[in-house]
């Protein structure tokens, strides 16, 4: 038996003491961490999901740090990971901001109550020849303390197994599979991955098997402030664990330079603030072509940044669970060590999967956090170091658009075979810049000078990228596996391009360079949308008149029969001349 006192400096008046009987625990181990299934739960972001453990071995107690993110201290000394440190009364363990003091411990070598109930008296005398003779041995039993009669235990309410283990009460052959369409799910757990990232775990009621491809996404159908809002998120769980469905969402702060009237990421922050265990949500899906199922390969290079790690984790978990013989190089870029999502699980995969090679780079150091790995953005030198055989691998990339563009440019510059490149982005779809010919002015001879050269270099480095939208946690762009609808060339004069929304009675003159959905948003014409990249099919509307140009959409989002009836995906449809839309 081991007695611990837990001290939280943020709540100094609330001391907690625990009696831990490791003899009754699995493998004689007491798990300590943030994860709700741990024996001792320390609910704080700086504590890893499974931070450490206390074990009982050969009658002695030991503390072990399980490769935690922030490490552990024993009596103020930093300890090594995965090493057993013996514990004694008075020892102090520090885990995150918490202090765990060993108040008392009883090992199997100490005398028990049975031992203390025997009193042995031995008298020894010496004879004349010097020999010692045991004269008398008196063994007297000490009367045990009478045990009081136990008080009657009140009967506990009997719970229906349907409440705590529903899958044990149903015929597994009768459990339906969810493969597509609308579904109502219930949140059973919210897991803090980092200080601003949460994982939401869902089940279906009655139980269903979630069937999807690793890397796909679902669309949440929510009501926020009285309005219906649709938003898509990549599935972070794996179909090899089909009884639950998970999404991982980052809280999005408002831009520092924006005024107070600028809202932060609407849906992501709403999920953080409102969804708890027991919450019920509507989802639709699964959808998406960004999956290792679409392009099986023996060698993968997964490259992600920020929230873009979620589909990569789904694929990695699936490869591990199914014992697939796939060699993975997993590169992730984060702002700082505390921003690394799934850090402990990634370390565990790297330690237990011989073909899972992990490389993480941070772009910002923070005081008090040590970092002994890569720093900075991914470049050619770093890529060749972590994956010398990168040309032999199939590459999947996911992250903010600037990150995606830099990786794309990098791979092209080092002659990577781009037919093996697939991407899924978080943020607004990248707009294609249309180059228009311009009449060049007559050349003027100017003498070159160091100052002129420096100015040209400075101007060349000015970024022309648009600022990212705030709700970066939502998935709104997809792999460029797509179809296109050929149409006649656009009219030479942009003044002839007109969009008429028949139900709203609005006419919008435009230049044909923005999608019908974008123009509808600008004019206050409501069209339901989600992915905004031609994948989910939510924004389809009937075209009553005119022609459109659709590029880069998923053929599954718009069936052939719907195309014949005049339906278009407004998020990827560009007007050609006058177009009338039933909206």
Protein backbone atom coordinates (compact mmCIF):
# COMPACT_ATOMS: atom_id res chain seq x y z
CA UNK A 1 0.00 0.00 0.00
CA UNK A 2 1.31 3.43 -0.96
CA UNK A 3 -0.10 6.73 0.26
CA UNK A 4 0.34 9.87 -1.87
CA UNK A 5 -0.38 13.50 -1.13
CA UNK A 6 -1.09 15.59 -4.25
CA UNK A 7 -0.32 19.30 -4.09
CA UNK A 8 -1.58 21.73 -6.73
CA UNK A 9 0.10 25.16 -6.32
CA UNK A 10 -2.92 26.77 -7.97
CA UNK A 11 -5.13 25.31 -5.21
CA UNK A 12 -2.85 25.24 -2.14
CA UNK A 13 -5.74 24.74 0.28
CA UNK A 14 -7.07 21.64 -1.51
CA UNK A 15 -4.65 18.86 -0.61
CA UNK A 16 -5.60 15.39 -1.83
CA UNK A 17 -4.39 12.11 -0.37
CA UNK A 18 -4.70 8.79 -2.17
CA UNK A 19 -4.23 5.23 -0.92
CA UNK A 20 -2.94 3.14 -3.81
CA UNK A 21 -3.00 -0.64 -3.63
CA UNK A 22 -0.81 -1.66 -6.54
CA UNK A 23 -1.37 -5.36 -5.78
CA UNK A 24 -4.85 -5.02 -7.23
CA UNK A 25 -3.83 -2.98 -10.31
CA UNK A 26 -3.03 -4.33 -13.76
CA UNK A 27 0.64 -5.39 -13.92
CA UNK A 28 1.05 -3.86 -10.41
CA UNK A 29 1.31 -0.43 -12.06
CA UNK A 30 -0.38 2.88 -11.29
CA UNK A 31 -0.56 5.11 -14.40
CA UNK A 32 -0.36 8.88 -13.89
CA UNK A 33 -1.33 11.43 -16.53
CA UNK A 34 -3.97 13.63 -18.15
CA UNK A 35 -5.80 10.76 -19.86
CA UNK A 36 -9.08 9.93 -18.08
CA UNK A 37 -8.24 6.21 -18.01
CA UNK A 38 -5.14 6.77 -15.85
CA UNK A 39 -5.25 5.66 -12.21
CA UNK A 40 -4.19 9.13 -11.07
CA UNK A 41 -5.57 11.88 -13.32
CA UNK A 42 -3.81 15.26 -13.32
CA UNK A 43 -5.94 17.55 -15.46
CA UNK A 44 -3.53 20.10 -16.89
CA UNK A 45 -2.19 20.82 -20.36
CA UNK A 46 1.47 20.49 -19.31
CA UNK A 47 0.85 16.91 -18.15
CA UNK A 48 1.09 14.28 -20.90
CA UNK A 49 -1.78 11.91 -21.55
CA UNK A 50 0.25 9.08 -19.95
CA UNK A 51 3.01 10.96 -18.15
CA UNK A 52 4.50 8.36 -15.81
CA UNK A 53 3.80 5.35 -13.63
CA UNK A 54 4.45 3.94 -10.17
CA UNK A 55 5.19 0.21 -10.21
CA UNK A 56 5.56 -2.47 -7.55
CA UNK A 57 8.42 -4.90 -8.24
CA UNK A 58 9.83 -7.47 -5.78
CA UNK A 59 8.27 -5.64 -2.87
CA UNK A 60 9.69 -2.21 -3.84
CA UNK A 61 8.06 0.84 -5.38
CA UNK A 62 9.49 2.67 -8.41
CA UNK A 63 8.58 5.77 -10.43
CA UNK A 64 9.12 5.83 -14.21
CA UNK A 65 8.66 8.72 -16.66
CA UNK A 66 6.93 7.37 -19.81
CA UNK A 67 8.63 9.68 -22.33
CA UNK A 68 6.44 12.60 -21.26
CA UNK A 69 6.42 15.89 -23.09
CA UNK A 70 7.67 18.06 -20.19
CA UNK A 71 9.57 15.42 -18.20
CA UNK A 72 9.46 14.61 -14.46
CA UNK A 73 11.49 15.51 -11.39
CA UNK A 74 12.21 13.39 -8.32
CA UNK A 75 13.34 15.38 -5.27
CA UNK A 76 13.98 18.39 -7.57
CA UNK A 77 16.28 16.40 -9.89
CA UNK A 78 15.34 15.88 -13.54
CA UNK A 79 15.06 12.15 -14.27
CA UNK A 80 15.63 10.13 -17.43
CA UNK A 81 12.74 8.67 -19.38
CA UNK A 82 11.85 4.95 -19.21
CA UNK A 83 14.09 4.33 -16.18
CA UNK A 84 12.92 3.02 -12.79
CA UNK A 85 13.69 5.22 -9.78
CA UNK A 86 13.11 3.65 -6.31
CA UNK A 87 10.71 5.48 -3.99
CA UNK A 88 10.83 5.89 -0.23
CA UNK A 89 8.78 7.76 2.34
CA UNK A 90 9.21 11.51 1.96
CA UNK A 91 10.14 11.46 -1.73
CA UNK A 92 8.64 14.24 -3.85
CA UNK A 93 7.74 13.76 -7.53
CA UNK A 94 6.98 16.79 -9.74
CA UNK A 95 4.72 16.25 -12.75
CA UNK A 96 3.84 19.46 -14.56
CA UNK A 97 2.72 21.92 -11.90
CA UNK A 98 1.71 19.09 -9.51
CA UNK A 99 3.78 17.73 -6.59
CA UNK A 100 3.21 14.15 -5.44
CA UNK A 101 4.64 13.35 -1.98
CA UNK A 102 5.07 9.79 -0.72
CA UNK A 103 3.48 9.88 2.75
CA UNK A 104 3.91 6.21 3.59
CA UNK A 105 4.49 2.89 1.91
CA UNK A 106 4.29 -0.72 2.99
CA UNK A 107 6.33 -3.33 1.12
CA UNK A 108 5.99 -7.08 1.23
CA UNK A 109 9.21 -7.30 3.33
CA UNK A 110 7.70 -5.51 6.33
CA UNK A 111 6.06 -7.58 9.13
CA UNK A 112 2.36 -8.16 8.89
CA UNK A 113 -0.25 -8.25 11.64
CA UNK A 114 0.06 -12.06 11.82
CA UNK A 115 3.79 -11.72 12.56
CA UNK A 116 3.10 -9.25 15.37
CA UNK A 117 0.66 -11.60 17.13
CA UNK A 118 3.45 -14.08 18.08
CA UNK A 119 5.65 -13.44 21.15
CA UNK A 120 8.72 -15.70 21.45
CA UNK A 121 10.65 -15.87 24.75
CA UNK A 122 13.86 -17.91 24.78
CA UNK A 123 16.05 -18.50 27.88
CA UNK A 124 19.60 -19.77 27.43
CA UNK A 125 21.83 -21.03 30.30
CA UNK A 126 25.48 -22.09 30.34
CA UNK A 127 26.64 -25.37 32.00
CA UNK A 128 29.89 -25.91 33.90
CA UNK A 129 31.68 -27.23 30.86
CA UNK A 130 30.84 -24.04 28.93
CA UNK A 131 28.13 -25.50 26.75
CA UNK A 132 25.10 -23.40 26.13
CA UNK A 133 21.80 -25.15 26.65
CA UNK A 134 18.44 -23.82 25.63
CA UNK A 135 16.49 -24.17 28.82
CA UNK A 136 13.00 -23.19 27.86
CA UNK A 137 11.11 -21.86 24.92
CA UNK A 138 7.83 -20.25 25.69
CA UNK A 139 5.58 -19.27 22.81
CA UNK A 140 2.60 -17.27 23.81
CA UNK A 141 -0.11 -16.10 21.49
CA UNK A 142 -1.15 -12.51 21.89
CA UNK A 143 -4.89 -12.26 21.81
CA UNK A 144 -5.93 -10.49 18.63
CA UNK A 145 -7.90 -7.30 18.93
CA UNK A 146 -11.55 -8.12 18.51
CA UNK A 147 -12.85 -7.07 15.13
CA UNK A 148 -15.99 -4.97 15.30
CA UNK A 149 -19.02 -6.20 13.47
CA UNK A 150 -19.12 -4.68 9.98
CA UNK A 151 -21.85 -2.19 9.33
CA UNK A 152 -24.40 -3.28 6.76
CA UNK A 153 -23.43 -2.00 3.30
CA UNK A 154 -26.25 -0.22 1.51
CA UNK A 155 -27.28 -1.97 -1.67
CA UNK A 156 -25.90 -0.25 -4.75
CA UNK A 157 -28.31 0.49 -7.57
CA UNK A 158 -28.06 -2.13 -10.28
CA UNK A 159 -27.24 -0.57 -13.65
CA UNK A 160 -28.36 -1.96 -16.93
CA UNK A 161 -25.30 -3.11 -18.96
CA UNK A 162 -26.78 -1.08 -21.81
CA UNK A 163 -25.71 2.02 -19.85
CA UNK A 164 -22.03 1.19 -19.38
CA UNK A 165 -21.21 -1.51 -21.97
CA UNK A 166 -23.79 -1.32 -24.75
CA UNK A 167 -21.74 -3.32 -27.26
CA UNK A 168 -21.82 -6.33 -24.92
CA UNK A 169 -25.61 -6.44 -25.11
CA UNK A 170 -26.05 -6.56 -28.86
CA UNK A 171 -25.46 -9.17 -31.53
CA UNK A 172 -22.34 -7.98 -33.36
CA UNK A 173 -23.58 -9.46 -36.59
CA UNK A 174 -26.53 -7.09 -36.38
CA UNK A 175 -24.50 -3.88 -35.91
CA UNK A 176 -24.95 -1.67 -38.95
CA UNK A 177 -22.16 0.11 -40.76
CA UNK A 178 -22.21 3.84 -41.40
CA UNK A 179 -20.60 4.38 -44.79
CA UNK A 180 -22.25 7.55 -46.10
CA UNK A 181 -24.98 10.05 -45.37
CA UNK A 182 -26.37 11.93 -42.37
CA UNK A 183 -25.85 10.60 -38.86
CA UNK A 184 -26.47 11.81 -35.31
CA UNK A 185 -23.54 11.16 -32.96
CA UNK A 186 -22.96 11.67 -29.24
CA UNK A 187 -19.75 13.03 -27.75
CA UNK A 188 -18.40 10.66 -25.08
CA UNK A 189 -15.07 12.33 -24.35
CA UNK A 190 -13.13 15.56 -24.89
CA UNK A 191 -9.34 15.17 -24.78
CA UNK A 192 -6.94 18.09 -24.35
CA UNK A 193 -4.14 17.43 -26.83
CA UNK A 194 -2.34 20.76 -26.26
CA UNK A 195 -3.16 24.09 -24.61
CA UNK A 196 -5.39 25.05 -27.57
CA UNK A 197 -6.22 21.75 -29.32
CA UNK A 198 -8.94 19.29 -28.33
CA UNK A 199 -9.97 15.90 -29.67
CA UNK A 200 -13.72 15.16 -29.67
CA UNK A 201 -14.62 11.47 -29.54
CA UNK A 202 -18.07 10.39 -30.77
CA UNK A 203 -20.18 7.24 -30.83
CA UNK A 204 -23.45 6.44 -32.57
CA UNK A 205 -26.58 5.57 -30.60
CA UNK A 206 -27.57 2.84 -31.24
CA UNK A 207 -24.01 1.55 -31.86
CA UNK A 208 -22.77 1.61 -35.45
CA UNK A 209 -19.46 0.83 -37.10
CA UNK A 210 -17.91 3.95 -38.61
CA UNK A 211 -16.62 2.93 -42.04
CA UNK A 212 -14.40 5.34 -43.94
CA UNK A 213 -10.96 5.65 -45.47
CA UNK A 214 -8.08 7.04 -43.39
CA UNK A 215 -7.59 10.69 -44.32
CA UNK A 216 -11.22 11.45 -45.26
CA UNK A 217 -13.34 14.14 -43.60
CA UNK A 218 -16.83 14.65 -42.21
CA UNK A 219 -19.06 17.72 -42.28
CA UNK A 220 -20.65 18.99 -39.09
CA UNK A 221 -24.19 20.39 -39.38
CA UNK A 222 -24.48 22.87 -36.49
CA UNK A 223 -26.79 25.61 -35.30
CA UNK A 224 -24.79 28.59 -34.01
CA UNK A 225 -26.49 31.80 -32.89
CA UNK A 226 -29.71 30.65 -34.51
CA UNK A 227 -28.17 29.99 -37.92
CA UNK A 228 -27.26 26.74 -39.64
CA UNK A 229 -23.51 26.41 -40.13
CA UNK A 230 -21.70 23.64 -41.98
CA UNK A 231 -18.01 22.97 -41.47
CA UNK A 232 -15.78 20.08 -42.50
CA UNK A 233 -13.03 18.49 -40.39
CA UNK A 234 -10.64 15.67 -41.18
CA UNK A 235 -11.22 12.47 -39.22
CA UNK A 236 -8.28 11.94 -36.90
CA UNK A 237 -9.28 8.45 -35.73
CA UNK A 238 -8.69 5.32 -37.78
CA UNK A 239 -11.24 2.99 -39.42
CA UNK A 240 -9.38 0.09 -37.81
CA UNK A 241 -11.08 1.21 -34.56
CA UNK A 242 -14.61 1.50 -35.95
CA UNK A 243 -16.67 1.94 -32.79
CA UNK A 244 -15.64 5.58 -32.28
CA UNK A 245 -15.12 8.60 -34.51
CA UNK A 246 -12.75 11.46 -33.64
CA UNK A 247 -11.98 14.94 -34.90
CA UNK A 248 -9.18 17.12 -33.55
CA UNK A 249 -9.81 20.88 -33.50
CA UNK A 250 -7.57 23.86 -32.77
CA UNK A 251 -8.92 26.97 -31.10
CA UNK A 252 -8.42 29.98 -33.37
CA UNK A 253 -7.63 33.37 -31.78
CA UNK A 254 -8.67 36.64 -33.40
CA UNK A 255 -5.88 38.35 -35.36
CA UNK A 256 -3.82 40.63 -33.12
CA UNK A 257 -4.16 43.55 -35.53
CA UNK A 258 -7.93 43.15 -35.96
CA UNK A 259 -10.55 45.18 -34.15
CA UNK A 260 -12.85 43.77 -31.49
CA UNK A 261 -15.64 43.37 -34.04
CA UNK A 262 -13.69 40.73 -35.98
CA UNK A 263 -14.92 37.29 -34.89
CA UNK A 264 -12.41 34.49 -34.33
CA UNK A 265 -12.78 31.04 -35.94
CA UNK A 266 -16.51 30.59 -35.54
CA UNK A 267 -17.01 26.83 -35.58
CA UNK A 268 -13.69 25.71 -34.07
CA UNK A 269 -14.09 27.97 -31.06
CA UNK A 270 -17.77 27.08 -30.71
CA UNK A 271 -16.80 23.41 -30.47
CA UNK A 272 -14.18 24.20 -27.81
CA UNK A 273 -16.64 26.22 -25.75
CA UNK A 274 -19.83 24.19 -26.11
CA UNK A 275 -19.26 20.52 -26.92
CA UNK A 276 -18.87 18.29 -23.87
CA UNK A 277 -19.43 14.64 -23.01
CA UNK A 278 -23.10 13.99 -23.74
CA UNK A 279 -23.44 16.63 -26.50
CA UNK A 280 -25.29 15.48 -29.63
CA UNK A 281 -24.25 16.62 -33.12
CA UNK A 282 -25.28 15.96 -36.71
CA UNK A 283 -22.61 14.88 -39.16
CA UNK A 284 -22.48 14.01 -42.83
CA UNK A 285 -19.90 12.07 -44.81
CA UNK A 286 -17.41 10.57 -45.02
CA UNK A 287 -15.94 12.33 -48.06
CA UNK A 288 -12.58 13.03 -49.65
CA UNK A 289 -9.89 11.58 -51.90
CA UNK A 290 -6.96 12.44 -49.64
CA UNK A 291 -6.21 8.92 -48.44
CA UNK A 292 -3.49 6.32 -48.74
CA UNK A 293 -6.19 3.93 -49.96
CA UNK A 294 -6.38 5.81 -53.25
CA UNK A 295 -2.69 5.36 -54.04
CA UNK A 296 -1.21 2.36 -52.19
CA UNK A 297 2.58 2.56 -51.90
CA UNK A 298 5.24 0.68 -49.88
CA UNK A 299 6.98 3.94 -48.90
CA UNK A 300 5.19 7.05 -47.68
CA UNK A 301 6.40 10.53 -46.81
CA UNK A 302 3.81 12.35 -44.69
CA UNK A 303 4.43 16.10 -44.35
CA UNK A 304 2.20 18.26 -42.16
CA UNK A 305 2.05 21.52 -40.25
CA UNK A 306 -0.29 22.64 -37.49
CA UNK A 307 -3.77 21.10 -37.70
CA UNK A 308 -2.75 19.40 -40.92
CA UNK A 309 -1.46 16.55 -38.79
CA UNK A 310 -4.97 15.10 -38.33
CA UNK A 311 -5.39 13.11 -41.59
CA UNK A 312 -1.75 11.98 -41.29
CA UNK A 313 -2.47 10.50 -37.86
CA UNK A 314 -5.49 8.67 -39.24
CA UNK A 315 -3.33 7.07 -41.93
CA UNK A 316 -0.46 6.30 -39.54
CA UNK A 317 -2.76 4.69 -36.98
CA UNK A 318 -4.34 2.57 -39.68
CA UNK A 319 -0.96 1.37 -40.98
CA UNK A 320 0.09 0.40 -37.45
CA UNK A 321 -3.20 -1.28 -36.45
CA UNK A 322 -3.36 -3.38 -39.61
CA UNK A 323 0.31 -4.46 -39.41
CA UNK A 324 0.84 -3.14 -42.93
CA UNK A 325 4.37 -3.50 -44.26
CA UNK A 326 4.70 0.19 -45.11
CA UNK A 327 7.72 2.37 -44.47
CA UNK A 328 6.64 5.81 -43.20
CA UNK A 329 8.67 8.97 -42.78
CA UNK A 330 6.49 11.35 -40.76
CA UNK A 331 7.57 15.02 -40.78
CA UNK A 332 5.62 17.59 -38.78
CA UNK A 333 6.22 21.31 -38.31
CA UNK A 334 4.93 23.09 -35.19
CA UNK A 335 5.40 26.53 -33.68
CA UNK A 336 6.90 25.32 -30.39
CA UNK A 337 7.28 22.09 -28.40
CA UNK A 338 4.04 22.73 -26.52
CA UNK A 339 2.16 23.04 -29.83
CA UNK A 340 3.01 19.52 -31.04
CA UNK A 341 -0.28 17.64 -31.37
CA UNK A 342 -0.21 13.90 -30.50
CA UNK A 343 3.40 14.26 -29.36
CA UNK A 344 3.37 11.34 -26.94
CA UNK A 345 1.57 9.03 -29.35
CA UNK A 346 4.00 9.91 -32.13
CA UNK A 347 6.92 9.05 -29.85
CA UNK A 348 5.20 5.78 -28.98
CA UNK A 349 4.67 4.90 -32.65
CA UNK A 350 8.31 5.65 -33.42
CA UNK A 351 9.44 3.45 -30.50
CA UNK A 352 7.17 0.51 -31.35
CA UNK A 353 7.02 0.54 -35.16
CA UNK A 354 10.42 -0.19 -36.75
CA UNK A 355 9.30 1.36 -40.04
CA UNK A 356 7.85 4.55 -38.56
CA UNK A 357 10.47 7.31 -38.73
CA UNK A 358 9.53 10.54 -36.96
CA UNK A 359 11.00 14.01 -37.52
CA UNK A 360 9.58 17.17 -35.92
CA UNK A 361 10.72 20.74 -36.47
CA UNK A 362 9.71 23.81 -34.50
CA UNK A 363 9.77 27.39 -35.77
CA UNK A 364 9.78 29.21 -32.42
CA UNK A 365 11.67 28.54 -29.21
CA UNK A 366 9.99 29.35 -25.92
CA UNK A 367 11.68 30.07 -22.57
CA UNK A 368 11.91 27.07 -20.28
CA UNK A 369 11.35 24.50 -23.03
CA UNK A 370 14.33 22.53 -24.23
CA UNK A 371 14.43 21.26 -27.81
CA UNK A 372 17.09 18.99 -29.29
CA UNK A 373 15.69 18.33 -32.77
CA UNK A 374 15.09 20.25 -36.03
CA UNK A 375 14.26 23.95 -36.08
CA UNK A 376 12.97 26.10 -38.93
CA UNK A 377 10.95 25.48 -42.08
CA UNK A 378 11.37 22.41 -44.23
CA UNK A 379 14.05 22.94 -46.87
CA UNK A 380 15.99 20.74 -49.27
CA UNK A 381 18.82 20.03 -46.83
CA UNK A 382 16.42 19.00 -44.05
CA UNK A 383 14.33 16.86 -46.40
CA UNK A 384 17.36 14.96 -47.70
CA UNK A 385 18.47 14.35 -44.12
CA UNK A 386 15.16 12.90 -42.88
CA UNK A 387 14.27 11.07 -46.13
CA UNK A 388 17.30 10.49 -48.38
CA UNK A 389 15.12 8.26 -50.57
CA UNK A 390 12.36 10.89 -50.97
CA UNK A 391 12.15 10.31 -54.73
CA UNK A 392 11.06 6.71 -54.05
CA UNK A 393 8.19 7.73 -51.78
CA UNK A 394 4.59 8.79 -52.28
CA UNK A 395 4.12 12.18 -50.62
CA UNK A 396 1.05 13.42 -48.75
CA UNK A 397 1.04 17.04 -47.59
CA UNK A 398 -1.45 18.86 -45.38
CA UNK A 399 -1.35 22.22 -43.64
CA UNK A 400 -1.97 25.95 -44.14
CA UNK A 401 -1.82 27.17 -47.73
CA UNK A 402 1.53 29.01 -47.45
CA UNK A 403 3.08 25.84 -46.04
CA UNK A 404 1.55 23.77 -48.83
CA UNK A 405 2.86 26.10 -51.50
CA UNK A 406 6.37 26.10 -50.06
CA UNK A 407 6.47 22.29 -49.93
CA UNK A 408 5.14 22.05 -53.47
CA UNK A 409 7.75 24.50 -54.72
CA UNK A 410 10.48 22.71 -52.78
CA UNK A 411 9.69 19.29 -54.24
CA UNK A 412 9.47 20.67 -57.76
CA UNK A 413 12.85 22.40 -57.34
CA UNK A 414 14.60 19.14 -56.38
CA UNK A 415 13.04 17.12 -59.25
CA UNK A 416 10.58 15.09 -57.18
CA UNK A 417 8.22 13.08 -59.45
CA UNK A 418 5.09 15.18 -58.87
CA UNK A 419 2.77 12.43 -60.08
CA UNK A 420 3.37 10.92 -56.62
CA UNK A 421 2.38 14.14 -54.80
CA UNK A 422 -1.01 14.56 -53.07
CA UNK A 423 -2.19 17.42 -50.91
CA UNK A 424 -5.03 18.41 -48.60
CA UNK A 425 -5.08 21.92 -47.21
CA UNK A 426 -6.61 23.75 -44.26
CA UNK A 427 -7.78 27.23 -45.11
CA UNK A 428 -9.26 28.93 -48.16
CA UNK A 429 -8.60 27.39 -51.57
CA UNK A 430 -5.65 28.84 -53.39
CA UNK A 431 -6.75 31.26 -56.07
CA UNK A 432 -5.20 30.92 -59.46
CA UNK A 433 -3.58 34.11 -60.62
CA UNK A 434 -4.52 34.84 -64.19
CA UNK A 435 -1.68 36.40 -66.10
CA UNK A 436 -2.82 39.08 -68.52
CA UNK A 437 -0.51 40.34 -71.21
CA UNK A 438 0.56 43.91 -70.77
CA UNK A 439 2.25 46.30 -73.15
CA UNK A 440 5.80 46.63 -72.00
CA UNK A 441 7.18 50.18 -71.85
CA UNK A 442 10.20 51.08 -73.88
CA UNK A 443 13.36 49.83 -72.20
CA UNK A 444 15.36 52.45 -70.36
CA UNK A 445 19.05 51.99 -69.72
CA UNK A 446 19.87 52.50 -66.03
CA UNK A 447 23.32 52.04 -64.61
CA UNK A 448 23.35 49.27 -62.02
CA UNK A 449 24.36 50.18 -58.50
CA UNK A 450 24.54 48.27 -55.20
CA UNK A 451 21.60 50.30 -53.92
CA UNK A 452 19.45 49.51 -56.95
CA UNK A 453 20.27 45.86 -56.71
CA UNK A 454 19.36 45.78 -53.01
CA UNK A 455 16.04 47.46 -53.75
CA UNK A 456 15.22 44.92 -56.46
CA UNK A 457 16.01 42.06 -54.07
CA UNK A 458 13.90 43.67 -51.35
CA UNK A 459 10.93 44.08 -53.67
CA UNK A 460 11.31 40.51 -54.87
CA UNK A 461 10.93 39.23 -51.33
CA UNK A 462 7.68 41.05 -50.57
CA UNK A 463 4.94 38.43 -50.06
CA UNK A 464 1.81 38.74 -52.15
CA UNK A 465 -0.07 35.96 -50.36
CA UNK A 466 -3.50 36.71 -49.01
CA UNK A 467 -3.90 36.53 -45.23
CA UNK A 468 -5.31 33.18 -44.09
CA UNK A 469 -8.84 33.00 -42.80
CA UNK A 470 -9.30 32.62 -39.08
CA UNK A 471 -11.04 29.25 -38.88
CA UNK A 472 -7.90 27.36 -39.84
CA UNK A 473 -9.00 24.21 -38.03
CA UNK A 474 -11.65 23.42 -40.61
CA UNK A 475 -10.90 21.48 -43.75
CA UNK A 476 -11.82 23.50 -46.77
CA UNK A 477 -9.59 22.40 -49.62
CA UNK A 478 -8.71 19.07 -51.13
CA UNK A 479 -6.40 17.07 -53.33
CA UNK A 480 -6.41 18.13 -56.93
CA UNK A 481 -7.88 14.79 -58.07
CA UNK A 482 -10.71 16.10 -60.07
CA UNK A 483 -12.76 16.47 -63.17
CA UNK A 484 -13.43 19.45 -65.38
CA UNK A 485 -16.34 20.52 -67.52
CA UNK A 486 -15.16 21.89 -70.88
CA UNK A 487 -17.00 24.97 -72.03
CA UNK A 488 -16.62 27.59 -74.69
CA UNK A 489 -14.02 30.29 -74.05
CA UNK A 490 -15.04 33.19 -71.85
CA UNK A 491 -16.15 36.34 -73.64
CA UNK A 492 -13.46 38.87 -74.28
CA UNK A 493 -15.26 41.65 -72.42
CA UNK A 494 -15.78 41.09 -68.72
CA UNK A 495 -18.76 43.47 -68.80
CA UNK A 496 -20.82 40.73 -70.46
CA UNK A 497 -20.46 38.40 -67.46
CA UNK A 498 -23.58 38.49 -65.32
CA UNK A 499 -24.94 36.23 -62.56
CA UNK A 500 -28.68 36.27 -61.93
CA UNK A 501 -29.95 34.67 -58.69
CA UNK A 502 -33.56 33.96 -59.67
CA UNK A 503 -35.08 33.34 -56.22
CA UNK A 504 -33.33 36.28 -54.58
CA UNK A 505 -34.00 38.60 -57.50
CA UNK A 506 -30.41 39.84 -57.55
CA UNK A 507 -28.20 40.45 -60.57
CA UNK A 508 -24.45 40.71 -60.15
CA UNK A 509 -22.05 41.94 -62.81
CA UNK A 510 -18.59 40.40 -62.45
CA UNK A 511 -15.40 39.62 -64.33
CA UNK A 512 -15.80 35.82 -64.24
CA UNK A 513 -12.70 35.40 -62.05
CA UNK A 514 -14.61 34.55 -58.86
CA UNK A 515 -16.84 31.55 -58.22
CA UNK A 516 -20.60 31.77 -58.13
CA UNK A 517 -20.50 30.90 -54.43
CA UNK A 518 -18.08 33.73 -53.67
CA UNK A 519 -20.30 36.21 -55.51
CA UNK A 520 -23.36 34.88 -53.66
CA UNK A 521 -21.60 35.46 -50.33
CA UNK A 522 -20.72 39.01 -51.31
CA UNK A 523 -24.32 39.77 -52.28
CA UNK A 524 -25.90 38.12 -49.24
CA UNK A 525 -27.46 35.27 -51.24
CA UNK A 526 -27.46 32.23 -48.96
CA UNK A 527 -26.16 29.01 -50.48
CA UNK A 528 -25.31 26.12 -48.17
CA UNK A 529 -21.64 25.21 -48.41
CA UNK A 530 -18.97 23.29 -46.56
CA UNK A 531 -15.69 22.27 -48.21
CA UNK A 532 -15.66 25.08 -50.81
CA UNK A 533 -13.42 22.92 -52.99
CA UNK A 534 -15.77 20.77 -55.07
CA UNK A 535 -15.64 17.69 -52.88
CA UNK A 536 -18.64 17.45 -50.55
CA UNK A 537 -21.42 18.50 -52.96
CA UNK A 538 -23.22 20.64 -50.36
CA UNK A 539 -23.29 23.80 -52.52
CA UNK A 540 -24.84 22.27 -55.66
CA UNK A 541 -27.47 24.47 -57.30
CA UNK A 542 -29.42 24.19 -60.53
CA UNK A 543 -28.30 26.33 -63.45
CA UNK A 544 -31.38 27.59 -65.26
CA UNK A 545 -29.61 29.40 -68.07
CA UNK A 546 -26.12 30.04 -69.45
CA UNK A 547 -22.75 28.34 -69.23
CA UNK A 548 -20.22 27.85 -66.44
CA UNK A 549 -16.68 26.59 -66.21
CA UNK A 550 -16.04 24.00 -63.45
CA UNK A 551 -12.51 22.89 -62.63
CA UNK A 552 -10.96 20.58 -60.08
CA UNK A 553 -14.06 18.98 -58.57
CA UNK A 554 -14.57 15.47 -57.26
CA UNK A 555 -16.75 13.42 -59.67
CA UNK A 556 -18.50 11.83 -56.68
CA UNK A 557 -19.76 15.25 -55.58
CA UNK A 558 -21.88 15.66 -58.70
CA UNK A 559 -23.50 12.70 -60.42
CA UNK A 560 -23.88 12.48 -64.19
CA UNK A 561 -27.66 12.62 -63.91
CA UNK A 562 -27.42 15.85 -61.88
CA UNK A 563 -25.15 17.42 -64.49
CA UNK A 564 -27.74 16.58 -67.17
CA UNK A 565 -30.40 18.28 -65.04
CA UNK A 566 -28.28 21.42 -64.94
CA UNK A 567 -26.80 21.23 -61.45
CA UNK A 568 -23.41 22.84 -60.79
CA UNK A 569 -21.08 23.04 -57.80
CA UNK A 570 -21.16 26.75 -57.09
CA UNK A 571 -17.90 26.68 -55.12
CA UNK A 572 -15.89 25.74 -58.22
CA UNK A 573 -18.20 27.10 -60.94
CA UNK A 574 -17.13 30.26 -62.80
CA UNK A 575 -19.73 32.13 -64.88
CA UNK A 576 -19.28 32.43 -68.63
CA UNK A 577 -21.46 35.22 -70.00
CA UNK A 578 -24.90 35.49 -68.45
CA UNK A 579 -25.78 32.72 -65.98
CA UNK A 580 -29.07 32.25 -64.11
CA UNK A 581 -28.87 30.24 -60.85
CA UNK A 582 -31.83 28.87 -58.93
CA UNK A 583 -30.92 30.56 -55.64
